Amino acid sequence: MAPISPDSIRTPRDLAPLLEHTLLREDAVEADILRICEEARRHRFAAVCVRSSQVARAARALAGSGVAVVATVDFPAGGGSTESRAREARAAAAAGASEIDVVLGRAALQARDHGGVFRDLAEVVKGARVPVKVILETSRLSLDEKIAACVLAQAAGASWVKTSTGYAGGGATPEDVALLRATVGPSVGVKASGGIRTADDALRMVRAGADRIGTSSGPAIVEGHFGG
């Protein structure tokens, strides 16, 4: 999975195929989900990203559109048991999610229980049976931990690594995106998320190596302009 060339992006609208239009508020209601789905259809975004409890509703709204549904799992803390995480991933896929974003179990990583991290992620990947992104929460990890997390996610069969939940302070940075890209190479995707609100923000992430952008500001990005 090669990163998208920034040279192919000439206007903010060229970013649309890279964007996951995101709504992860716990208090989101049906009207909110329908709104982001309609916006994703209209702008031809890559996907909408919602909590697993909202997947079925989003999948119905997006049927036949070509816009994917991404479900967050064990979000935002990432502290659940492997069994519950794998079960949630499996249920979200059955409800219509075509990709899963699961939060890394940081406690095990920071305790250097690399075997435990690997086994946990491998079980989630196995349970999901759809592509899995592993959310690292880069603002909470050291350099060595970020690299280890990428290596473990890739070894466990994850299809993507992702910077942030957006719920832990600090979001995506070009430096972290570049590190993730350098660590996983071209065969694993890199999703930048957290604090990306403008076309310039998104383009910086693509230039750093991201090939997917998670944002709640999708329409503003594609309707904006560079240099603003």
C-alpha atoms as a PDB file:
ATOM      1  CA  MET A   1       0.000   0.000   0.000  1.00  0.00           C
ATOM      2  CA  ALA A   2       2.054   2.916  -1.288  1.00  0.00           C
ATOM      3  CA  PRO A   3       1.501   6.377   0.188  1.00  0.00           C
ATOM      4  CA  ILE A   4      -0.420   8.821  -1.992  1.00  0.00           C
ATOM      5  CA  SER A   5       1.819  11.249  -3.855  1.00  0.00           C
ATOM      6  CA  PRO A   6       1.285  14.837  -2.706  1.00  0.00           C
ATOM      7  CA  ASP A   7       1.954  15.851  -6.317  1.00  0.00           C
ATOM      8  CA  SER A   8      -1.456  14.463  -7.255  1.00  0.00           C
ATOM      9  CA  ILE A   9      -3.181  16.849  -4.838  1.00  0.00           C
ATOM     10  CA  ARG A  10      -3.731  20.186  -6.527  1.00  0.00           C
ATOM     11  CA  THR A  11      -6.895  21.386  -4.806  1.00  0.00           C
ATOM     12  CA  PRO A  12      -8.480  20.593  -1.434  1.00  0.00           C
ATOM     13  CA  ARG A  13     -11.131  18.538  -3.226  1.00  0.00           C
ATOM     14  CA  ASP A  14      -8.391  16.151  -4.309  1.00  0.00           C
ATOM     15  CA  LEU A  15      -8.121  15.168  -0.632  1.00  0.00           C
ATOM     16  CA  ALA A  16     -11.664  13.762  -0.528  1.00  0.00           C
ATOM     17  CA  PRO A  17     -10.732  10.144  -1.405  1.00  0.00           C
ATOM     18  CA  LEU A  18      -8.344  10.103   1.566  1.00  0.00           C
ATOM     19  CA  LEU A  19     -10.771  11.388   4.183  1.00  0.00           C
ATOM     20  CA  GLU A  20     -12.664   9.441   6.827  1.00  0.00           C
ATOM     21  CA  HIS A  21     -15.501  11.685   7.992  1.00  0.00           C
ATOM     22  CA  THR A  22     -15.522  11.055  11.730  1.00  0.00           C
ATOM     23  CA  LEU A  23     -18.189  11.298  14.421  1.00  0.00           C
ATOM     24  CA  LEU A  24     -17.244   9.648  17.698  1.00  0.00           C
ATOM     25  CA  ARG A  25     -19.266  11.555  20.281  1.00  0.00           C
ATOM     26  CA  GLU A  26     -21.022   9.256  22.736  1.00  0.00           C
ATOM     27  CA  ASP A  27     -24.135  11.420  22.561  1.00  0.00           C
ATOM     28  CA  ALA A  28     -24.454  11.280  18.757  1.00  0.00           C
ATOM     29  CA  VAL A  29     -28.020  10.558  17.686  1.00  0.00           C
ATOM     30  CA  GLU A  30     -29.502   9.196  14.479  1.00  0.00           C
ATOM     31  CA  ALA A  31     -29.770  12.639  12.880  1.00  0.00           C
ATOM     32  CA  ASP A  32     -26.048  13.207  13.466  1.00  0.00           C
ATOM     33  CA  ILE A  33     -25.132   9.903  11.829  1.00  0.00           C
ATOM     34  CA  LEU A  34     -27.397  10.558   8.850  1.00  0.00           C
ATOM     35  CA  ARG A  35     -25.865  14.005   8.426  1.00  0.00           C
ATOM     36  CA  ILE A  36     -22.278  12.787   8.240  1.00  0.00           C
ATOM     37  CA  CYS A  37     -23.285   9.974   5.916  1.00  0.00           C
ATOM     38  CA  GLU A  38     -24.977  12.428   3.578  1.00  0.00           C
ATOM     39  CA  GLU A  39     -21.901  14.663   3.655  1.00  0.00           C
ATOM     40  CA  ALA A  40     -19.647  11.692   2.939  1.00  0.00           C
ATOM     41  CA  ARG A  41     -21.812  10.686  -0.033  1.00  0.00           C
ATOM     42  CA  ARG A  42     -21.870  14.223  -1.398  1.00  0.00           C
ATOM     43  CA  HIS A  43     -18.133  14.766  -1.148  1.00  0.00           C
ATOM     44  CA  ARG A  44     -17.185  11.165  -2.027  1.00  0.00           C
ATOM     45  CA  PHE A  45     -15.090  10.629   1.060  1.00  0.00           C
ATOM     46  CA  ALA A  46     -13.342   7.297   1.578  1.00  0.00           C
ATOM     47  CA  ALA A  47     -15.347   6.431   4.669  1.00  0.00           C
ATOM     48  CA  VAL A  48     -17.238   7.500   7.725  1.00  0.00           C
ATOM     49  CA  CYS A  49     -15.806   6.519  11.103  1.00  0.00           C
ATOM     50  CA  VAL A  50     -18.240   5.927  13.974  1.00  0.00           C
ATOM     51  CA  ARG A  51     -18.435   4.046  17.241  1.00  0.00           C
ATOM     52  CA  SER A  52     -19.301   0.381  16.865  1.00  0.00           C
ATOM     53  CA  SER A  53     -22.787   0.959  18.273  1.00  0.00           C
ATOM     54  CA  GLN A  54     -23.585   3.234  15.298  1.00  0.00           C
ATOM     55  CA  VAL A  55     -22.279   0.956  12.547  1.00  0.00           C
ATOM     56  CA  ALA A  56     -25.575  -0.606  11.470  1.00  0.00           C
ATOM     57  CA  ARG A  57     -27.237   2.790  11.142  1.00  0.00           C
ATOM     58  CA  ALA A  58     -24.328   4.193   9.093  1.00  0.00           C
ATOM     59  CA  ALA A  59     -24.151   1.088   6.908  1.00  0.00           C
ATOM     60  CA  ARG A  60     -27.850   1.408   6.026  1.00  0.00           C
ATOM     61  CA  ALA A  61     -27.430   5.086   5.214  1.00  0.00           C
ATOM     62  CA  LEU A  62     -24.419   4.446   2.981  1.00  0.00           C
ATOM     63  CA  ALA A  63     -25.640   1.312   1.182  1.00  0.00           C
ATOM     64  CA  GLY A  64     -24.638   1.411  -2.465  1.00  0.00           C
ATOM     65  CA  SER A  65     -22.645   4.636  -2.099  1.00  0.00           C
ATOM     66  CA  GLY A  66     -19.126   3.223  -2.232  1.00  0.00           C
ATOM     67  CA  VAL A  67     -18.357   5.000   1.059  1.00  0.00           C
ATOM     68  CA  ALA A  68     -16.969   2.573   3.635  1.00  0.00           C
ATOM     69  CA  VAL A  69     -18.000   2.345   7.283  1.00  0.00           C
ATOM     70  CA  VAL A  70     -15.189   2.254   9.857  1.00  0.00           C
ATOM     71  CA  ALA A  71     -15.918   1.213  13.451  1.00  0.00           C
ATOM     72  CA  THR A  72     -13.876   2.115  16.501  1.00  0.00           C
ATOM     73  CA  VAL A  73     -13.339  -0.735  18.970  1.00  0.00           C
ATOM     74  CA  ASP A  74     -12.517  -0.488  22.694  1.00  0.00           C
ATOM     75  CA  PHE A  75     -12.611   3.264  22.214  1.00  0.00           C
ATOM     76  CA  PRO A  76     -11.093   5.497  23.440  1.00  0.00           C
ATOM     77  CA  ALA A  77      -9.255   3.878  26.368  1.00  0.00           C
ATOM     78  CA  GLY A  78      -8.111   0.560  24.889  1.00  0.00           C
ATOM     79  CA  GLY A  79      -8.248  -1.152  28.265  1.00  0.00           C
ATOM     80  CA  GLY A  80     -10.651  -4.009  27.543  1.00  0.00           C
ATOM     81  CA  SER A  81      -9.896  -7.714  27.581  1.00  0.00           C
ATOM     82  CA  THR A  82      -8.720  -9.400  24.416  1.00  0.00           C
ATOM     83  CA  GLU A  83     -11.923 -11.438  24.344  1.00  0.00           C
ATOM     84  CA  SER A  84     -14.169  -8.372  24.560  1.00  0.00           C
ATOM     85  CA  ARG A  85     -12.123  -6.482  21.964  1.00  0.00           C
ATOM     86  CA  ALA A  86     -12.233  -9.358  19.486  1.00  0.00           C
ATOM     87  CA  ARG A  87     -15.960  -9.826  20.121  1.00  0.00           C
ATOM     88  CA  GLU A  88     -16.680  -6.131  19.539  1.00  0.00           C
ATOM     89  CA  ALA A  89     -14.643  -6.166  16.316  1.00  0.00           C
ATOM     90  CA  ARG A  90     -16.474  -9.248  15.061  1.00  0.00           C
ATOM     91  CA  ALA A  91     -19.883  -7.741  15.873  1.00  0.00           C
ATOM     92  CA  ALA A  92     -19.024  -4.440  14.193  1.00  0.00           C
ATOM     93  CA  ALA A  93     -17.953  -6.227  11.026  1.00  0.00           C
ATOM     94  CA  ALA A  94     -21.152  -8.285  11.064  1.00  0.00           C
ATOM     95  CA  ALA A  95     -23.153  -5.058  11.395  1.00  0.00           C
ATOM     96  CA  GLY A  96     -21.558  -3.597   8.269  1.00  0.00           C
ATOM     97  CA  ALA A  97     -18.148  -2.185   9.151  1.00  0.00           C
ATOM     98  CA  SER A  98     -15.631  -2.795   6.398  1.00  0.00           C
ATOM     99  CA  GLU A  99     -12.700  -1.607   8.553  1.00  0.00           C
ATOM    100  CA  ILE A 100     -11.990  -1.639  12.298  1.00  0.00           C
ATOM    101  CA  ASP A 101      -9.992   0.947  14.266  1.00  0.00           C
ATOM    102  CA  VAL A 102      -8.925  -0.649  17.555  1.00  0.00           C
ATOM    103  CA  VAL A 103      -7.110   1.211  20.313  1.00  0.00           C
ATOM    104  CA  LEU A 104      -3.735  -0.239  21.257  1.00  0.00           C
ATOM    105  CA  GLY A 105      -3.480  -1.653  24.770  1.00  0.00           C
ATOM    106  CA  ARG A 106      -0.907   0.880  25.936  1.00  0.00           C
ATOM    107  CA  ALA A 107      -0.546  -0.528  29.452  1.00  0.00           C
ATOM    108  CA  ALA A 108       0.858  -3.802  28.129  1.00  0.00           C
ATOM    109  CA  LEU A 109       3.087  -1.998  25.642  1.00  0.00           C
ATOM    110  CA  GLN A 110       4.500   0.321  28.284  1.00  0.00           C
ATOM    111  CA  ALA A 111       5.105  -2.669  30.572  1.00  0.00           C
ATOM    112  CA  ARG A 112       7.112  -4.124  27.664  1.00  0.00           C
ATOM    113  CA  ASP A 113       4.781  -7.090  27.434  1.00  0.00           C
ATOM    114  CA  HIS A 114       5.326  -7.268  23.696  1.00  0.00           C
ATOM    115  CA  GLY A 115       4.107 -10.841  23.488  1.00  0.00           C
ATOM    116  CA  GLY A 116       0.848  -9.846  25.137  1.00  0.00           C
ATOM    117  CA  VAL A 117       0.377  -6.905  22.786  1.00  0.00           C
ATOM    118  CA  PHE A 118       1.017  -9.114  19.781  1.00  0.00           C
ATOM    119  CA  ARG A 119      -1.387 -11.842  20.897  1.00  0.00           C
ATOM    120  CA  ASP A 120      -4.104  -9.304  21.704  1.00  0.00           C
ATOM    121  CA  LEU A 121      -3.885  -7.576  18.326  1.00  0.00           C
ATOM    122  CA  ALA A 122      -3.679 -10.877  16.460  1.00  0.00           C
ATOM    123  CA  GLU A 123      -6.917 -12.002  18.116  1.00  0.00           C
ATOM    124  CA  VAL A 124      -8.654  -8.748  17.189  1.00  0.00           C
ATOM    125  CA  VAL A 125      -7.467  -9.082  13.590  1.00  0.00           C
ATOM    126  CA  LYS A 126      -8.657 -12.688  13.518  1.00  0.00           C
ATOM    127  CA  GLY A 127     -12.024 -11.778  15.003  1.00  0.00           C
ATOM    128  CA  ALA A 128     -12.631  -8.814  12.734  1.00  0.00           C
ATOM    129  CA  ARG A 129     -12.006 -10.563   9.407  1.00  0.00           C
ATOM    130  CA  VAL A 130     -11.856  -7.089   7.840  1.00  0.00           C
ATOM    131  CA  PRO A 131      -8.872  -4.722   7.684  1.00  0.00           C
ATOM    132  CA  VAL A 132      -7.826  -3.459  11.111  1.00  0.00           C
ATOM    133  CA  LYS A 133      -6.166  -0.171  11.997  1.00  0.00           C
ATOM    134  CA  VAL A 134      -4.320   0.019  15.314  1.00  0.00           C
ATOM    135  CA  ILE A 135      -4.636   3.377  17.084  1.00  0.00           C
ATOM    136  CA  LEU A 136      -1.341   4.052  18.832  1.00  0.00           C
ATOM    137  CA  GLU A 137      -2.122   7.291  20.716  1.00  0.00           C
ATOM    138  CA  THR A 138       1.283   8.654  19.720  1.00  0.00           C
ATOM    139  CA  SER A 139       1.142  11.622  22.105  1.00  0.00           C
ATOM    140  CA  ARG A 140       1.289   9.160  25.020  1.00  0.00           C
ATOM    141  CA  LEU A 141       4.184   7.023  23.722  1.00  0.00           C
ATOM    142  CA  SER A 142       7.944   7.395  23.659  1.00  0.00           C
ATOM    143  CA  LEU A 143       9.855   7.110  20.406  1.00  0.00           C
ATOM    144  CA  ASP A 144      10.832   3.517  21.155  1.00  0.00           C
ATOM    145  CA  GLU A 145       7.248   2.650  22.111  1.00  0.00           C
ATOM    146  CA  LYS A 146       5.897   4.088  18.863  1.00  0.00           C
ATOM    147  CA  ILE A 147       8.332   1.982  16.866  1.00  0.00           C
ATOM    148  CA  ALA A 148       7.563  -1.150  18.904  1.00  0.00           C
ATOM    149  CA  ALA A 149       3.823  -0.589  18.510  1.00  0.00           C
ATOM    150  CA  CYS A 150       4.160  -0.319  14.743  1.00  0.00           C
ATOM    151  CA  VAL A 151       6.266  -3.473  14.538  1.00  0.00           C
ATOM    152  CA  LEU A 152       3.834  -5.426  16.712  1.00  0.00           C
ATOM    153  CA  ALA A 153       0.757  -4.184  14.837  1.00  0.00           C
ATOM    154  CA  GLN A 154       2.291  -5.137  11.513  1.00  0.00           C
ATOM    155  CA  ALA A 155       3.364  -8.566  12.787  1.00  0.00           C
ATOM    156  CA  ALA A 156      -0.144  -9.186  14.150  1.00  0.00           C
ATOM    157  CA  GLY A 157      -1.662  -8.652  10.721  1.00  0.00           C
ATOM    158  CA  ALA A 158      -2.974  -5.111  11.039  1.00  0.00           C
ATOM    159  CA  SER A 159      -3.522  -3.344   7.732  1.00  0.00           C
ATOM    160  CA  TRP A 160      -2.947   0.165   9.111  1.00  0.00           C
ATOM    161  CA  VAL A 161      -1.447   2.060  11.996  1.00  0.00           C
ATOM    162  CA  LYS A 162      -3.165   5.227  13.179  1.00  0.00           C
ATOM    163  CA  THR A 163      -1.846   8.122  15.219  1.00  0.00           C
ATOM    164  CA  SER A 164      -4.538   9.115  17.698  1.00  0.00           C
ATOM    165  CA  THR A 165      -8.030   8.777  19.102  1.00  0.00           C
ATOM    166  CA  GLY A 166      -8.414  12.539  19.423  1.00  0.00           C
ATOM    167  CA  TYR A 167      -9.410  11.992  23.056  1.00  0.00           C
ATOM    168  CA  ALA A 168      -6.039  11.980  24.819  1.00  0.00           C
ATOM    169  CA  GLY A 169      -4.616  15.433  24.178  1.00  0.00           C
ATOM    170  CA  GLY A 170      -2.254  15.974  21.304  1.00  0.00           C
ATOM    171  CA  GLY A 171      -3.118  14.720  17.864  1.00  0.00           C
ATOM    172  CA  ALA A 172      -1.373  13.822  14.667  1.00  0.00           C
ATOM    173  CA  THR A 173       1.925  15.488  13.827  1.00  0.00           C
ATOM    174  CA  PRO A 174       3.878  15.261  10.579  1.00  0.00           C
ATOM    175  CA  GLU A 175       6.830  13.950  12.567  1.00  0.00           C
ATOM    176  CA  ASP A 176       4.840  11.054  14.004  1.00  0.00           C
ATOM    177  CA  VAL A 177       3.272  10.268  10.634  1.00  0.00           C
ATOM    178  CA  ALA A 178       6.731  10.168   9.043  1.00  0.00           C
ATOM    179  CA  LEU A 179       7.984   7.873  11.814  1.00  0.00           C
ATOM    180  CA  LEU A 180       5.038   5.496  11.389  1.00  0.00           C
ATOM    181  CA  ARG A 181       5.528   5.418   7.634  1.00  0.00           C
ATOM    182  CA  ALA A 182       9.266   4.772   7.923  1.00  0.00           C
ATOM    183  CA  THR A 183       8.641   1.971  10.426  1.00  0.00           C
ATOM    184  CA  VAL A 184       5.887   0.047   8.626  1.00  0.00           C
ATOM    185  CA  GLY A 185       7.127   0.663   5.081  1.00  0.00           C
ATOM    186  CA  PRO A 186       4.872   0.654   2.019  1.00  0.00           C
ATOM    187  CA  SER A 187       2.841  -2.476   2.779  1.00  0.00           C
ATOM    188  CA  VAL A 188       0.869  -1.062   5.735  1.00  0.00           C
ATOM    189  CA  GLY A 189      -1.296   2.046   5.657  1.00  0.00           C
ATOM    190  CA  VAL A 190      -0.828   5.089   7.884  1.00  0.00           C
ATOM    191  CA  LYS A 191      -3.872   6.997   9.107  1.00  0.00           C
ATOM    192  CA  ALA A 192      -3.352  10.459  10.580  1.00  0.00           C
ATOM    193  CA  SER A 193      -6.057  11.595  12.982  1.00  0.00           C
ATOM    194  CA  GLY A 194      -6.463  14.100  15.768  1.00  0.00           C
ATOM    195  CA  GLY A 195      -6.567  17.859  15.293  1.00  0.00           C
ATOM    196  CA  ILE A 196      -6.678  17.866  11.472  1.00  0.00           C
ATOM    197  CA  ARG A 197      -9.073  20.673  10.605  1.00  0.00           C
ATOM    198  CA  THR A 198      -7.856  22.427   7.457  1.00  0.00           C
ATOM    199  CA  ALA A 199      -6.727  21.543   3.959  1.00  0.00           C
ATOM    200  CA  ASP A 200      -3.205  22.594   4.885  1.00  0.00           C
ATOM    201  CA  ASP A 201      -3.266  20.303   7.942  1.00  0.00           C
ATOM    202  CA  ALA A 202      -4.341  17.378   5.788  1.00  0.00           C
ATOM    203  CA  LEU A 203      -1.796  18.059   3.072  1.00  0.00           C
ATOM    204  CA  ARG A 204       1.014  18.184   5.635  1.00  0.00           C
ATOM    205  CA  MET A 205       0.021  14.717   6.790  1.00  0.00           C
ATOM    206  CA  VAL A 206      -0.061  13.362   3.251  1.00  0.00           C
ATOM    207  CA  ARG A 207       3.359  14.833   2.572  1.00  0.00           C
ATOM    208  CA  ALA A 208       4.626  13.094   5.708  1.00  0.00           C
ATOM    209  CA  GLY A 209       3.356   9.725   4.498  1.00  0.00           C
ATOM    210  CA  ALA A 210      -0.315   9.374   5.483  1.00  0.00           C
ATOM    211  CA  ASP A 211      -2.649   7.698   3.043  1.00  0.00           C
ATOM    212  CA  ARG A 212      -5.798   8.171   5.107  1.00  0.00           C
ATOM    213  CA  ILE A 213      -6.945  11.165   7.146  1.00  0.00           C
ATOM    214  CA  GLY A 214      -9.423  10.919  10.010  1.00  0.00           C
ATOM    215  CA  THR A 215     -11.221  14.184  10.703  1.00  0.00           C
ATOM    216  CA  SER A 216     -14.528  15.612  11.846  1.00  0.00           C
ATOM    217  CA  SER A 217     -13.888  18.589   9.541  1.00  0.00           C
ATOM    218  CA  GLY A 218     -14.138  16.831   6.181  1.00  0.00           C
ATOM    219  CA  PRO A 219     -16.507  19.273   4.447  1.00  0.00           C
ATOM    220  CA  ALA A 220     -14.535  22.292   5.683  1.00  0.00           C
ATOM    221  CA  ILE A 221     -11.321  20.722   4.393  1.00  0.00           C
ATOM    222  CA  VAL A 222     -12.524  19.995   0.872  1.00  0.00           C
ATOM    223  CA  GLU A 223     -14.432  23.285   0.619  1.00  0.00           C
ATOM    224  CA  GLY A 224     -11.465  25.289   1.928  1.00  0.00           C
ATOM    225  CA  HIS A 225      -8.281  26.352   0.239  1.00  0.00           C
ATOM    226  CA  PHE A 226      -4.555  25.854   0.613  1.00  0.00           C
ATOM    227  CA  GLY A 227      -2.473  28.590   2.175  1.00  0.00           C
ATOM    228  CA  GLY A 228      -5.225  29.601   4.560  1.00  0.00           C
END
